[in-house]
Amino acid sequence: MTETTGKANLLGMTQQQLEHFFESIGEKRFRAGQVMKWIHHFGVDDFDAMSNIGKALRDKLKACAEIRGPEIVSEDISSDGTRKWVVRVASGSCVETVYIPQGGRGTLCVSSQAGCALDCSFCSTGKQGFNSDLSAAEVIGQVWIANKSFGTVPAKIDRAVTNVVMMGMGEPLLNFDNVVAAMHIMMDDLGYGISKRKVTLSTSGVVPMIDKLAEAIDVSLALSLHAPNDELRNKLVPINKKYPLDVLLAACKRYVSRLGEKRLLTIEYTLLKDVNDQPEHAAQMIELLRDVPCKINLIPFNPFPFSGYERPSNNAIRRFQDLLHKAGHNVTVRTTRGEDIDAACGQLVGQVMDRTRRSERYIAVRQLNGEADAPHSANRT
């Protein structure tokens, strides 16, 4: 388990939180901006390296604060340039972060929880059950680690991460406060300066928190749909039993309408052979999304052992895409990246400690899904 020091960890603090912190130790608020730049622009975790801060303040900070990201357990680089980090968080579990380069863009897929309680049937993360929420420092720490890996500290980092998707391990809306704080840092010019259009939160459909999100931040929204009707989605994404499609899509439309600027909802749809990839499913999807301003990402299933599902044929994928295109939808098929290092979508598994842990959050979400509180066993390690 990661050691805790009892000191304030400045890595996960927003600009406002840092200003309050400096006031609490008798310092001026402007120090927050100075320290944020050192942490996020330069990747510094040593107060003595902050050359524009006097020695007395540096000594004070060393006594009461720290800059500590998750512990890096391993880093793997795929033949296609994709990188995957396994990092250990305070609960002792390990989570995974994936960097995907494409042209001049670098997209980082960030985890929000160790494990996941939603138990979507085609996702290896959910098969481990839920262990813990990540702190704001552990969420933003994944961006910090990725950027530092491409730069030379303490020289200013050449930003490798241009886009962030909260699509890693966990359901981001079930770790709301920490995820929102981390996303504010991602977008802050004193942090990573990433455009609100290029920070995307993906949800399986926690409806009340979608409405709450609209009050807190204006990042892009992605919906993990995966089925065009309630009967099938109840099986693939169990939270649908609580928040069926009509309720869910209404919440997504409310969120996107508040963004303005012709922003679109992103629909994520994992194609499973003979399960949700047939022409009738495409027809149902066209009808379902008729009045939803959206773009659609089709994700061919990435197999993992004992999943019970298969990847559709290329012909079936093209057929599904063509049917949606002909109905006027903007549709892309996501290219599988990092499969040789188990970094493809749906394959993130980390190493969740105590996989049968009966946390209050885990039990509550399992009940919300309408499932018995039976122990989980991991399909992969």
Protein backbone atom coordinates (compact mmCIF):
# COMPACT_ATOMS: atom_id res chain seq x y z
CA MET A 1 0.00 0.00 0.00
CA THR A 2 1.21 3.51 -0.85
CA GLU A 3 2.65 5.30 2.18
CA THR A 4 0.75 8.35 3.44
CA THR A 5 2.66 11.24 5.05
CA GLY A 6 -0.10 13.39 6.51
CA LYS A 7 1.12 16.39 4.48
CA ALA A 8 -1.12 18.33 2.09
CA ASN A 9 -0.62 16.98 -1.43
CA LEU A 10 -0.55 20.01 -3.72
CA LEU A 11 -0.65 17.94 -6.92
CA GLY A 12 -4.43 17.47 -6.80
CA MET A 13 -5.39 21.00 -5.77
CA THR A 14 -7.17 23.35 -8.15
CA GLN A 15 -6.02 26.96 -8.40
CA GLN A 16 -8.74 28.03 -5.97
CA GLN A 17 -7.85 25.26 -3.51
CA LEU A 18 -4.18 26.21 -3.68
CA GLU A 19 -5.04 29.85 -3.01
CA HIS A 20 -6.95 28.82 0.10
CA PHE A 21 -4.05 26.59 1.14
CA PHE A 22 -1.51 29.43 0.92
CA GLU A 23 -3.80 31.75 2.86
CA SER A 24 -4.15 29.05 5.52
CA ILE A 25 -0.37 29.02 6.06
CA GLY A 26 -0.13 32.82 6.15
CA GLU A 27 1.08 33.36 2.58
CA LYS A 28 -0.21 35.43 -0.35
CA ARG A 29 -2.69 33.92 -2.80
CA PHE A 30 -0.45 34.62 -5.82
CA ARG A 31 1.88 31.86 -4.63
CA ALA A 32 -0.73 29.39 -5.92
CA GLY A 33 -0.05 30.35 -9.53
CA GLN A 34 3.70 30.10 -9.08
CA VAL A 35 3.51 26.63 -7.57
CA MET A 36 0.94 25.36 -10.08
CA LYS A 37 3.27 26.27 -12.93
CA TRP A 38 6.19 24.45 -11.32
CA ILE A 39 4.08 21.35 -10.74
CA HIS A 40 2.19 21.08 -14.03
CA HIS A 41 4.27 23.07 -16.56
CA PHE A 42 7.64 21.78 -15.40
CA GLY A 43 6.76 18.48 -13.70
CA VAL A 44 8.58 19.50 -10.50
CA ASP A 45 8.01 17.60 -7.25
CA ASP A 46 10.86 19.18 -5.26
CA PHE A 47 10.22 22.54 -3.61
CA ASP A 48 13.93 23.33 -3.68
CA ALA A 49 13.76 23.38 -7.50
CA MET A 50 11.29 26.30 -7.43
CA SER A 51 13.82 29.07 -8.08
CA ASN A 52 11.42 32.03 -7.86
CA ILE A 53 10.26 31.09 -4.36
CA GLY A 54 12.31 32.18 -1.37
CA LYS A 55 14.07 29.70 0.91
CA ALA A 56 11.86 30.51 3.92
CA LEU A 57 8.70 29.61 2.01
CA ARG A 58 10.32 26.55 0.48
CA ASP A 59 11.23 25.33 3.97
CA LYS A 60 7.70 26.01 5.18
CA LEU A 61 6.26 24.03 2.27
CA LYS A 62 8.60 21.11 2.88
CA ALA A 63 7.33 20.93 6.45
CA CYS A 64 3.61 20.89 5.66
CA ALA A 65 3.13 19.92 2.02
CA GLU A 66 4.27 17.57 -0.73
CA ILE A 67 3.85 16.97 -4.45
CA ARG A 68 3.23 13.26 -4.81
CA GLY A 69 1.78 11.39 -7.76
CA PRO A 70 0.89 7.71 -7.98
CA GLU A 71 3.78 5.25 -7.86
CA ILE A 72 4.77 4.01 -11.32
CA VAL A 73 4.83 0.21 -11.28
CA SER A 74 5.54 -0.32 -14.97
CA GLU A 75 5.52 1.35 -18.38
CA ASP A 76 4.97 -0.61 -21.59
CA ILE A 77 5.29 0.72 -25.13
CA SER A 78 3.35 -0.91 -27.95
CA SER A 79 4.66 -1.50 -31.44
CA ASP A 80 2.20 1.19 -32.63
CA GLY A 81 3.53 3.83 -30.19
CA THR A 82 0.79 3.42 -27.59
CA ARG A 83 2.07 3.59 -24.02
CA LYS A 84 0.53 2.04 -20.91
CA TRP A 85 1.44 2.88 -17.34
CA VAL A 86 0.45 0.76 -14.36
CA VAL A 87 0.41 2.96 -11.27
CA ARG A 88 -0.21 2.08 -7.62
CA VAL A 89 -2.67 4.24 -5.68
CA ALA A 90 -3.17 4.77 -1.95
CA SER A 91 -5.54 1.82 -1.51
CA GLY A 92 -2.76 -0.53 -2.67
CA SER A 93 -4.51 -1.30 -5.95
CA CYS A 94 -2.96 -0.68 -9.34
CA VAL A 95 -4.73 1.15 -12.16
CA GLU A 96 -3.82 1.67 -15.77
CA THR A 97 -3.36 4.75 -17.94
CA VAL A 98 -2.98 4.66 -21.73
CA TYR A 99 -1.42 7.23 -24.09
CA ILE A 100 -2.43 7.00 -27.75
CA PRO A 101 -0.47 9.08 -30.31
CA GLN A 102 -2.10 9.90 -33.63
CA GLY A 103 -0.58 12.46 -35.95
CA GLY A 104 -0.10 15.66 -33.98
CA ARG A 105 -2.52 14.57 -31.27
CA GLY A 106 -1.78 12.66 -28.10
CA THR A 107 -4.80 11.28 -26.24
CA LEU A 108 -4.48 10.09 -22.66
CA CYS A 109 -7.06 7.62 -21.36
CA VAL A 110 -7.30 8.26 -17.61
CA SER A 111 -8.68 6.02 -14.84
CA SER A 112 -10.94 7.34 -12.08
CA GLN A 113 -11.39 4.28 -9.84
CA ALA A 114 -9.58 1.10 -8.90
CA GLY A 115 -11.93 -1.46 -10.35
CA CYS A 116 -15.55 -0.66 -11.15
CA ALA A 117 -18.87 -1.58 -9.59
CA LEU A 118 -21.01 -1.21 -12.71
CA ASP A 119 -20.05 -4.64 -14.05
CA CYS A 120 -20.63 -4.06 -17.77
CA SER A 121 -20.50 -7.57 -19.16
CA PHE A 122 -17.94 -6.94 -21.94
CA CYS A 123 -15.39 -4.95 -19.89
CA SER A 124 -12.53 -6.67 -18.08
CA THR A 125 -12.25 -3.86 -15.50
CA GLY A 126 -15.75 -4.53 -14.19
CA LYS A 127 -15.00 -8.20 -13.63
CA GLN A 128 -12.76 -7.26 -10.71
CA GLY A 129 -15.39 -5.50 -8.65
CA PHE A 130 -14.76 -2.17 -6.97
CA ASN A 131 -11.94 -1.29 -4.59
CA SER A 132 -11.56 2.47 -4.23
CA ASP A 133 -12.03 5.94 -5.67
CA LEU A 134 -8.89 7.72 -6.82
CA SER A 135 -8.02 11.02 -5.17
CA ALA A 136 -7.81 14.16 -7.31
CA ALA A 137 -4.01 13.88 -7.07
CA GLU A 138 -4.16 10.29 -8.34
CA VAL A 139 -6.39 11.30 -11.27
CA ILE A 140 -4.39 14.35 -12.38
CA GLY A 141 -1.22 12.49 -11.46
CA GLN A 142 -1.74 10.27 -14.50
CA VAL A 143 -1.54 13.34 -16.76
CA TRP A 144 1.48 14.59 -14.79
CA ILE A 145 3.27 11.25 -15.22
CA ALA A 146 2.51 11.01 -18.94
CA ASN A 147 3.69 14.54 -19.71
CA LYS A 148 6.85 14.13 -17.64
CA SER A 149 7.74 10.98 -19.56
CA PHE A 150 8.08 13.03 -22.74
CA GLY A 151 9.92 16.02 -21.28
CA THR A 152 13.11 16.83 -19.46
CA VAL A 153 12.66 18.07 -15.90
CA PRO A 154 13.16 20.84 -14.85
CA ALA A 155 13.19 22.25 -18.41
CA LYS A 156 9.66 23.14 -19.50
CA ILE A 157 7.77 20.09 -20.70
CA ASP A 158 6.78 19.82 -24.36
CA ARG A 159 3.15 18.86 -23.89
CA ALA A 160 2.62 15.40 -25.30
CA VAL A 161 -0.94 15.15 -23.99
CA THR A 162 -3.30 17.24 -26.12
CA ASN A 163 -6.53 15.40 -25.32
CA VAL A 164 -7.79 13.61 -22.20
CA VAL A 165 -10.59 11.07 -22.09
CA MET A 166 -11.96 9.89 -18.75
CA MET A 167 -12.49 6.43 -20.22
CA GLY A 168 -10.04 4.35 -18.21
CA MET A 169 -10.86 2.14 -15.25
CA GLY A 170 -13.97 3.09 -13.28
CA GLU A 171 -17.13 5.18 -13.68
CA PRO A 172 -16.02 8.84 -13.42
CA LEU A 173 -19.39 10.13 -12.23
CA LEU A 174 -19.23 7.87 -9.17
CA ASN A 175 -16.04 9.68 -8.10
CA PHE A 176 -17.51 13.07 -8.90
CA ASP A 177 -15.64 15.60 -6.75
CA ASN A 178 -12.17 14.22 -7.38
CA VAL A 179 -12.73 13.82 -11.12
CA VAL A 180 -14.17 17.33 -11.52
CA ALA A 181 -11.26 18.85 -9.58
CA ALA A 182 -8.75 16.99 -11.78
CA MET A 183 -10.51 18.10 -14.97
CA HIS A 184 -10.42 21.73 -13.80
CA ILE A 185 -6.64 21.40 -13.45
CA MET A 186 -6.42 19.84 -16.92
CA MET A 187 -8.20 22.88 -18.39
CA ASP A 188 -6.51 25.58 -16.28
CA ASP A 189 -3.82 27.57 -18.11
CA LEU A 190 -1.71 27.22 -14.95
CA GLY A 191 -2.24 23.46 -15.23
CA TYR A 192 -2.30 21.79 -18.66
CA GLY A 193 -4.29 24.33 -20.67
CA ILE A 194 -6.31 21.67 -22.50
CA SER A 195 -9.40 22.95 -24.29
CA LYS A 196 -12.80 22.05 -22.83
CA ARG A 197 -13.56 20.44 -26.20
CA LYS A 198 -10.57 18.13 -25.75
CA VAL A 199 -11.39 16.90 -22.24
CA THR A 200 -14.07 14.22 -22.41
CA LEU A 201 -15.86 12.42 -19.61
CA SER A 202 -17.41 9.08 -20.48
CA THR A 203 -20.28 7.66 -18.44
CA SER A 204 -22.29 4.46 -18.51
CA GLY A 205 -25.34 6.47 -17.47
CA VAL A 206 -25.46 7.79 -13.90
CA VAL A 207 -28.30 10.20 -14.68
CA PRO A 208 -28.41 12.40 -11.55
CA MET A 209 -24.68 13.02 -11.80
CA ILE A 210 -24.95 14.06 -15.46
CA ASP A 211 -27.21 16.90 -14.37
CA LYS A 212 -24.83 17.73 -11.51
CA LEU A 213 -21.90 17.75 -13.94
CA ALA A 214 -23.59 20.45 -15.99
CA GLU A 215 -23.52 22.71 -12.93
CA ALA A 216 -19.82 22.10 -12.29
CA ILE A 217 -17.93 22.07 -15.61
CA ASP A 218 -18.37 22.17 -19.39
CA VAL A 219 -16.20 19.33 -20.63
CA SER A 220 -17.29 17.14 -23.54
CA LEU A 221 -19.56 14.21 -22.74
CA ALA A 222 -19.46 10.66 -24.07
CA LEU A 223 -22.11 8.02 -23.43
CA SER A 224 -21.20 4.34 -23.29
CA LEU A 225 -24.35 3.17 -25.08
CA HIS A 226 -23.52 -0.31 -26.42
CA ALA A 227 -27.16 -1.32 -27.04
CA PRO A 228 -30.05 0.31 -28.93
CA ASN A 229 -32.87 -1.00 -26.72
CA ASP A 230 -33.50 -1.39 -23.00
CA GLU A 231 -33.82 -5.18 -22.99
CA LEU A 232 -30.35 -5.71 -24.43
CA ARG A 233 -28.76 -2.81 -22.55
CA ASN A 234 -30.06 -4.21 -19.24
CA LYS A 235 -27.88 -7.26 -19.92
CA LEU A 236 -24.78 -5.46 -21.19
CA VAL A 237 -24.85 -2.35 -18.96
CA PRO A 238 -26.76 -3.26 -15.77
CA ILE A 239 -27.16 0.34 -14.54
CA ASN A 240 -29.68 0.69 -17.38
CA LYS A 241 -32.20 -1.08 -15.13
CA LYS A 242 -32.16 2.00 -12.92
CA TYR A 243 -31.83 4.64 -15.63
CA PRO A 244 -33.38 3.36 -18.89
CA LEU A 245 -32.57 4.82 -22.27
CA ASP A 246 -35.32 7.44 -22.49
CA VAL A 247 -34.30 8.91 -19.12
CA LEU A 248 -30.59 8.65 -19.92
CA LEU A 249 -30.73 10.27 -23.35
CA ALA A 250 -32.91 13.08 -22.01
CA ALA A 251 -30.20 13.85 -19.42
CA CYS A 252 -27.48 13.78 -22.09
CA LYS A 253 -29.48 16.15 -24.31
CA ARG A 254 -29.91 18.52 -21.37
CA TYR A 255 -26.18 18.48 -20.74
CA VAL A 256 -25.16 19.09 -24.35
CA SER A 257 -27.79 21.83 -24.83
CA ARG A 258 -26.16 23.79 -22.00
CA LEU A 259 -22.76 23.67 -23.69
CA GLY A 260 -23.87 25.55 -26.79
CA GLU A 261 -21.25 26.15 -29.52
CA LYS A 262 -22.66 23.26 -31.55
CA ARG A 263 -21.11 20.73 -29.18
CA LEU A 264 -22.14 17.10 -29.75
CA LEU A 265 -22.65 14.09 -27.54
CA THR A 266 -20.24 11.27 -28.37
CA ILE A 267 -21.86 7.84 -28.52
CA GLU A 268 -19.55 4.92 -27.70
CA TYR A 269 -20.82 1.59 -29.03
CA THR A 270 -18.84 -1.62 -28.58
CA LEU A 271 -19.69 -4.07 -31.35
CA LEU A 272 -20.15 -7.65 -30.12
CA LYS A 273 -20.48 -10.46 -32.63
CA ASP A 274 -24.10 -11.64 -33.03
CA VAL A 275 -25.12 -9.64 -29.94
CA ASN A 276 -25.57 -6.00 -30.98
CA ASP A 277 -24.07 -5.83 -34.49
CA GLN A 278 -27.00 -6.87 -36.68
CA PRO A 279 -28.91 -4.67 -39.17
CA GLU A 280 -31.93 -4.59 -36.84
CA HIS A 281 -29.71 -3.14 -34.12
CA ALA A 282 -28.50 -0.43 -36.50
CA ALA A 283 -32.11 0.38 -37.39
CA GLN A 284 -33.04 0.62 -33.71
CA MET A 285 -30.03 2.85 -33.07
CA ILE A 286 -30.98 5.19 -35.90
CA GLU A 287 -34.45 5.58 -34.42
CA LEU A 288 -33.14 5.96 -30.86
CA LEU A 289 -30.75 8.77 -31.81
CA ARG A 290 -33.03 10.54 -34.28
CA ASP A 291 -33.28 13.70 -32.16
CA VAL A 292 -29.92 13.47 -30.38
CA PRO A 293 -27.11 15.74 -31.67
CA CYS A 294 -24.25 13.26 -31.65
CA LYS A 295 -21.31 11.60 -33.31
CA ILE A 296 -20.84 7.85 -33.07
CA ASN A 297 -17.69 5.85 -32.30
CA LEU A 298 -17.99 2.17 -33.11
CA ILE A 299 -15.55 0.05 -31.09
CA PRO A 300 -14.95 -3.51 -32.29
CA PHE A 301 -14.78 -5.71 -29.19
CA ASN A 302 -11.26 -6.29 -27.88
CA PRO A 303 -11.22 -9.86 -26.53
CA PHE A 304 -10.02 -10.88 -23.08
CA PRO A 305 -10.03 -14.42 -21.66
CA PHE A 306 -13.38 -15.94 -20.63
CA SER A 307 -15.35 -12.86 -21.69
CA GLY A 308 -17.88 -14.93 -23.63
CA TYR A 309 -17.89 -12.39 -26.49
CA GLU A 310 -16.19 -12.20 -29.89
CA ARG A 311 -15.13 -9.44 -32.25
CA PRO A 312 -17.43 -9.08 -35.28
CA SER A 313 -16.03 -9.65 -38.75
CA ASN A 314 -14.76 -6.65 -40.70
CA ASN A 315 -17.70 -7.07 -43.08
CA ALA A 316 -20.19 -6.90 -40.20
CA ILE A 317 -18.47 -3.79 -38.83
CA ARG A 318 -18.54 -2.05 -42.23
CA ARG A 319 -22.17 -3.04 -42.75
CA PHE A 320 -23.17 -1.53 -39.40
CA GLN A 321 -21.20 1.64 -40.10
CA ASP A 322 -22.70 2.01 -43.59
CA LEU A 323 -26.26 1.71 -42.30
CA LEU A 324 -25.65 4.51 -39.80
CA HIS A 325 -23.90 6.65 -42.41
CA LYS A 326 -26.80 6.30 -44.83
CA ALA A 327 -29.12 7.57 -42.10
CA GLY A 328 -27.02 10.74 -41.87
CA HIS A 329 -24.88 9.99 -38.80
CA ASN A 330 -21.23 10.91 -38.40
CA VAL A 331 -19.68 7.51 -37.66
CA THR A 332 -16.11 6.40 -37.12
CA VAL A 333 -14.72 2.96 -36.32
CA ARG A 334 -12.12 3.19 -33.58
CA THR A 335 -8.84 1.60 -34.58
CA THR A 336 -7.60 -0.90 -32.03
CA ARG A 337 -4.41 0.44 -30.46
CA GLY A 338 -2.03 -1.10 -27.94
CA GLU A 339 -3.52 -4.58 -28.11
CA ASP A 340 -0.09 -6.19 -27.76
CA ILE A 341 0.29 -4.59 -24.29
CA ASP A 342 -3.36 -5.17 -23.25
CA ALA A 343 -4.07 -1.45 -23.55
CA ALA A 344 -7.02 -1.61 -25.93
CA CYS A 345 -10.47 -0.32 -25.01
CA GLY A 346 -12.18 -2.64 -22.53
CA GLN A 347 -8.97 -4.47 -21.64
CA LEU A 348 -7.72 -2.33 -18.74
CA VAL A 349 -7.48 -4.44 -15.64
CA GLY A 350 -4.71 -3.19 -13.34
CA GLN A 351 -4.44 -5.16 -10.13
CA VAL A 352 -7.30 -4.49 -7.76
CA MET A 353 -6.54 -5.51 -4.20
CA ASP A 354 -9.05 -7.61 -2.26
CA ARG A 355 -11.33 -8.22 -5.19
CA THR A 356 -14.25 -9.47 -3.09
CA ARG A 357 -14.21 -6.39 -0.87
CA ARG A 358 -17.72 -5.50 0.34
CA SER A 359 -17.39 -1.72 0.38
CA GLU A 360 -20.52 0.32 0.97
CA ARG A 361 -20.14 1.89 -2.49
CA TYR A 362 -19.78 -1.52 -4.13
CA ILE A 363 -22.87 -2.94 -2.44
CA ALA A 364 -24.94 0.17 -3.19
CA VAL A 365 -24.12 0.14 -6.90
CA ARG A 366 -24.68 -3.61 -7.21
CA GLN A 367 -28.11 -3.09 -5.66
CA LEU A 368 -28.72 -0.16 -7.99
CA ASN A 369 -27.95 -2.51 -10.87
CA GLY A 370 -30.55 -4.93 -9.52
CA GLU A 371 -27.99 -7.64 -8.79
CA ALA A 372 -27.37 -9.87 -5.82
CA ASP A 373 -24.30 -9.02 -3.77
CA ALA A 374 -22.32 -12.03 -4.90
CA PRO A 375 -18.52 -12.07 -4.82
CA HIS A 376 -16.61 -11.25 -8.00
CA SER A 377 -13.64 -13.11 -9.34
CA ALA A 378 -11.30 -11.54 -11.82
CA ASN A 379 -11.16 -12.95 -15.34
CA ARG A 380 -7.64 -11.69 -15.79
CA THR A 381 -4.69 -10.68 -13.69
